[in-house]
Each structure stands twice: as structure tokens, then as C-alpha cells.
Protein backbone atom coordinates (compact mmCIF):
# COMPACT_ATOMS: atom_id res chain seq x y z
CA MET A 1 5.70 14.44 17.42
CA ALA A 2 4.49 18.19 15.86
CA LYS A 3 1.30 18.28 14.23
CA ASP A 4 3.06 20.58 11.43
CA ALA A 5 5.26 17.15 10.72
CA THR A 6 3.19 14.70 11.27
CA ALA A 7 0.64 17.51 8.37
CA ASP A 8 3.62 16.72 6.21
CA ILE A 9 4.06 13.22 5.83
CA VAL A 10 0.35 12.81 5.74
CA HIS A 11 0.23 15.27 2.46
CA ALA A 12 3.76 13.51 0.78
CA LEU A 13 2.00 9.70 1.44
CA ASN A 14 -0.85 11.38 0.25
CA ASP A 15 0.61 12.77 -3.48
CA SER A 16 2.12 9.99 -3.20
CA PRO A 17 1.44 7.90 -6.65
CA LEU A 18 3.88 4.35 -5.36
CA PHE A 19 1.81 4.81 -2.05
CA GLN A 20 -1.95 4.98 -4.01
CA ARG A 21 -0.39 2.55 -5.89
CA LEU A 22 -0.05 0.60 -2.89
CA LEU A 23 -2.97 1.09 -1.19
CA ALA A 24 -4.88 0.04 -4.00
CA GLY A 25 -2.57 -2.98 -4.86
CA LEU A 26 -3.37 -3.87 -1.66
CA ASP A 27 -5.35 -7.30 0.29
CA TYR A 28 -5.81 -6.35 3.70
CA GLN A 29 -6.75 -10.01 4.83
CA ARG A 30 -3.28 -10.91 4.68
CA VAL A 31 -2.08 -7.36 5.90
CA GLY A 32 -0.07 -6.40 3.78
CA LEU A 33 0.37 -2.29 4.99
CA GLN A 34 1.31 -2.70 8.24
CA LEU A 35 1.67 0.72 10.07
CA HIS A 36 2.34 0.33 14.25
CA ARG A 37 2.15 2.45 17.40
CA ARG A 38 2.67 2.14 21.24
CA GLY A 39 -0.10 1.20 22.64
CA ARG A 40 -1.93 0.86 19.60
CA ALA A 41 -4.02 -2.51 18.64
CA GLU A 42 -2.45 -3.29 15.05
CA GLN A 43 -5.81 -3.80 14.81
CA GLU A 44 -6.89 -0.74 14.98
CA TYR A 45 -5.09 0.54 12.16
CA THR A 46 -6.28 -2.91 10.33
CA ALA A 47 -9.86 -1.29 10.71
CA LEU A 48 -8.82 2.06 9.82
CA LEU A 49 -6.84 1.36 6.44
CA ARG A 50 -9.77 -0.71 5.84
CA ALA A 51 -12.14 2.50 6.46
CA GLY A 52 -10.29 4.62 4.31
CA LYS A 53 -9.19 5.95 6.97
CA LEU A 54 -5.42 6.97 5.93
CA HIS A 55 -5.00 9.77 7.40
CA ASP A 56 -6.81 9.68 10.55
CA LEU A 57 -4.24 6.76 10.55
CA LEU A 58 -1.46 8.77 10.12
CA THR A 59 -2.73 11.69 12.40
CA GLY A 60 -2.66 9.71 14.92
CA LEU A 61 0.70 8.10 14.73
CA GLN A 62 2.97 9.69 18.28
CA GLN A 63 6.26 7.99 18.39
CA GLN A 64 9.23 8.60 15.68
CA GLU A 65 8.47 5.10 14.10
CA PHE A 66 7.05 4.55 10.74
CA VAL A 67 6.58 0.88 9.43
CA ILE A 68 5.81 0.22 6.13
CA ARG A 69 5.39 -3.53 5.78
CA ILE A 70 4.58 -4.59 1.75
CA ASP A 71 4.55 -8.34 1.06
CA LEU A 72 6.51 -9.68 -2.05
CA GLU A 73 3.39 -11.02 -3.73
CA THR A 74 1.38 -8.25 -3.42
CA TRP A 75 5.10 -5.58 -4.24
CA ASP A 76 5.34 -7.45 -7.28
CA ARG A 77 1.77 -7.32 -8.37
CA ILE A 78 1.22 -3.86 -8.61
CA ASN A 79 4.78 -2.84 -10.11
CA THR A 80 6.32 -3.32 -13.37
CA PRO A 81 9.45 -6.06 -12.56
CA GLU A 82 11.91 -3.82 -13.23
CA GLU A 83 10.35 -0.79 -9.92
CA ALA A 84 10.94 -3.98 -7.97
CA ALA A 85 13.65 -4.96 -8.34
CA TRP A 86 15.58 -2.03 -7.74
CA MET A 87 13.54 -1.43 -4.97
CA LYS A 88 14.37 -4.40 -3.30
CA ALA A 89 17.75 -4.40 -4.18
CA HIS A 90 18.33 0.35 -3.52
CA PRO A 91 15.39 0.31 -0.50
CA LEU A 92 17.07 3.61 0.33
CA GLU A 93 17.49 5.59 -2.19
CA ALA A 94 13.89 4.32 -3.21
CA VAL A 95 11.72 5.73 -0.02
CA ARG A 96 14.07 8.89 -0.86
CA LYS A 97 12.75 8.89 -4.57
CA TYR A 98 9.06 7.97 -3.66
CA TRP A 99 8.66 10.01 -0.54
CA PRO A 100 11.27 13.10 -0.71
CA GLN A 101 9.22 15.02 1.32
CA ILE A 102 9.69 12.89 4.23
CA GLU A 103 13.15 14.22 5.85
CA MET A 104 11.70 13.83 9.46
CA PRO A 105 13.15 12.71 13.14
CA LEU A 106 11.76 9.57 12.12
CA ARG A 107 13.00 5.99 11.33
CA VAL A 108 10.84 5.00 8.03
CA LYS A 109 11.39 1.01 8.46
CA LEU A 110 10.96 -0.61 4.52
CA ARG A 111 9.69 -4.70 5.18
CA LEU A 112 9.55 -6.95 1.92
CA GLY A 113 8.70 -10.40 3.07
CA ALA A 114 10.04 -10.74 6.06
CA ARG A 115 13.84 -9.33 4.91
CA LEU A 116 13.86 -5.06 6.96
CA LEU A 117 15.79 -3.65 3.93
CA LEU A 118 15.83 0.07 5.81
CA SER A 119 15.88 1.17 9.16
């Protein structure tokens, strides 16, 4: 992934009020948000998130996949019931609405609970 593409992703996520609310509401003991990359242990990502190093984490991603996994309880706690219900029912539209700048050659997967909603 080109460096400017990674910078665009970081910029888009950092500017997203929804993403900031997600980060603020996560229970890291349950690892509500997980970012995966081949060859990198999940614990490393969790450590970066706990340390508040979102930029370092995203800049280090070198593959074409970005995964957001949010447990249903966390999602419902930090959003209005209407907003949560709409996003669960319309995951593709939700990603386009909340992260419009992310139009990259990467796959975005949004997981709410154990259900894969978008790929």
C-alpha cells in the first residue's frame, strides 16, 4: 500500500467523530476493536491501541485488508439505538457515510458481534 494511501486512511479515521467515539468507548479487555495484518500478532495491535498509537498502528499496515470488529454491547452503549439499528441493517451505507474518504483498493470488513456485515 502506498504511503499516501495509508496517510489518507489515517486522516479519514482520525477525523471521523464516530471512530473517535468508538475508540473512547472500547473495552480493551474484551478487545472490542481489532486490526489484523498477516505476520503481525494480534497482541501487538492491542498494545498499540491501548497506548493510544492509532496513527502508528495504521501506518504500519501493509496489506489490503482493514478489519473493524465491534462487539454489539459496546456499539449499542456508545450510539443511539436508532443509529446502531440503522448501521447494523445497512453496513455498506454506514461505512460510506462515516468513512467517505476511504475509497481505497482495500477491503473493509465491519463485524458487529460474530456476524460479518461487510466485506
